[in-house]
């Protein structure tokens, strides 16, 4: 049975064969577990720190431009 690991950011896919050791095939990959509540865990895989950062940036709300512009106005006064 072949298992697949897919990067949640770029979609890169790696296949793990029956005789493959996950630690060899997935060397350098990052795995993230998000525990929502008991028995409810989301798991994410990333092929690099860069892909993890891209995914994290999409998960976090951005700072509204109006707020950032107001900081510039306060500095110039």
Protein backbone atom coordinates (compact mmCIF):
# COMPACT_ATOMS: atom_id res chain seq x y z
CA UNK A 1 0.00 0.00 0.00
CA UNK A 2 1.43 3.37 -1.06
CA UNK A 3 0.83 6.40 1.16
CA UNK A 4 1.05 9.95 -0.07
CA UNK A 5 2.10 13.07 1.78
CA UNK A 6 1.07 16.37 0.19
CA UNK A 7 2.37 19.83 1.09
CA UNK A 8 -0.59 21.97 2.20
CA UNK A 9 1.01 25.04 0.66
CA UNK A 10 2.52 24.18 -2.73
CA UNK A 11 0.91 20.78 -3.36
CA UNK A 12 4.21 18.92 -3.71
CA UNK A 13 3.52 15.21 -3.32
CA UNK A 14 5.76 12.46 -1.98
CA UNK A 15 4.90 8.77 -2.10
CA UNK A 16 5.86 6.43 0.71
CA UNK A 17 6.15 2.82 -0.33
CA UNK A 18 5.67 -0.14 1.97
CA UNK A 19 9.41 -0.52 2.60
CA UNK A 20 10.20 3.21 2.80
CA UNK A 21 10.97 4.75 6.16
CA UNK A 22 8.94 7.96 6.57
CA UNK A 23 11.92 9.66 8.25
CA UNK A 24 14.01 9.05 5.09
CA UNK A 25 11.39 10.08 2.52
CA UNK A 26 10.09 13.07 4.49
CA UNK A 27 13.45 14.38 5.70
CA UNK A 28 13.15 18.17 5.99
CA UNK A 29 9.34 18.19 5.93
CA UNK A 30 7.36 19.82 8.74
CA UNK A 31 4.22 18.38 10.29
CA UNK A 32 1.74 20.49 12.21
CA UNK A 33 -1.12 19.24 14.39
CA UNK A 34 -3.94 21.54 15.43
CA UNK A 35 -5.96 20.16 18.33
CA UNK A 36 -9.48 21.55 18.14
CA UNK A 37 -11.01 19.42 20.87
CA UNK A 38 -10.82 15.84 22.08
CA UNK A 39 -10.51 13.41 19.18
CA UNK A 40 -10.61 16.30 16.67
CA UNK A 41 -7.15 17.00 15.30
CA UNK A 42 -6.25 18.63 11.97
CA UNK A 43 -2.87 17.60 10.58
CA UNK A 44 -0.91 19.58 8.02
CA UNK A 45 2.29 18.77 6.12
CA UNK A 46 4.78 21.21 4.59
CA UNK A 47 7.79 20.44 2.42
CA UNK A 48 9.77 23.47 3.67
CA UNK A 49 9.78 26.35 6.13
CA UNK A 50 8.94 28.65 3.22
CA UNK A 51 5.76 26.72 2.46
CA UNK A 52 4.82 26.75 6.16
CA UNK A 53 5.29 30.54 6.22
CA UNK A 54 3.15 31.03 3.10
CA UNK A 55 0.39 28.89 4.62
CA UNK A 56 0.62 30.68 7.99
CA UNK A 57 0.42 34.10 6.32
CA UNK A 58 -2.83 33.01 4.65
CA UNK A 59 -4.25 31.83 7.99
CA UNK A 60 -3.63 35.08 9.85
CA UNK A 61 -5.82 38.10 9.25
CA UNK A 62 -4.05 41.01 7.65
CA UNK A 63 -3.71 44.44 9.21
CA UNK A 64 -6.16 46.80 7.49
CA UNK A 65 -4.46 49.41 5.28
CA UNK A 66 -6.47 52.16 7.02
CA UNK A 67 -4.78 51.31 10.31
CA UNK A 68 -1.28 51.25 8.80
CA UNK A 69 -1.89 54.56 7.00
CA UNK A 70 -3.07 56.16 10.25
CA UNK A 71 0.27 55.26 11.86
CA UNK A 72 2.13 57.08 9.07
CA UNK A 73 -0.09 60.15 9.59
CA UNK A 74 0.66 60.19 13.33
CA UNK A 75 4.44 60.08 12.72
CA UNK A 76 4.37 63.00 10.29
CA UNK A 77 2.52 65.29 12.74
